[in-house]
Amino acid sequence: MPTAAASTTRPHFKIGRDREGHWIAVETHGRGGGYFRSRDDALHYARAEAGAVTFSARPLALRLS
């Protein structure tokens, strides 16, 4: 069962490109994310959702389920 501290922790997003070059933002625990037209759009989304954002130099993948 999650602790109270874990449940109140704000999400953290990684921003980068996928292998095809599309900009994506991915929540580090897989609870959110999406494809975006630009880096700025991905950053705007991630900051609005979480505030905590890092950029990835490696290709990212967005897993949709």
Foldseek 3Di string as FASTA:
>chain_A
DDDPVVVPAFWAWEWDAAPVGWIKIATPVLPDIDTDPDSVVRVVVRCVRGVHYHYDPDHDDRDDD
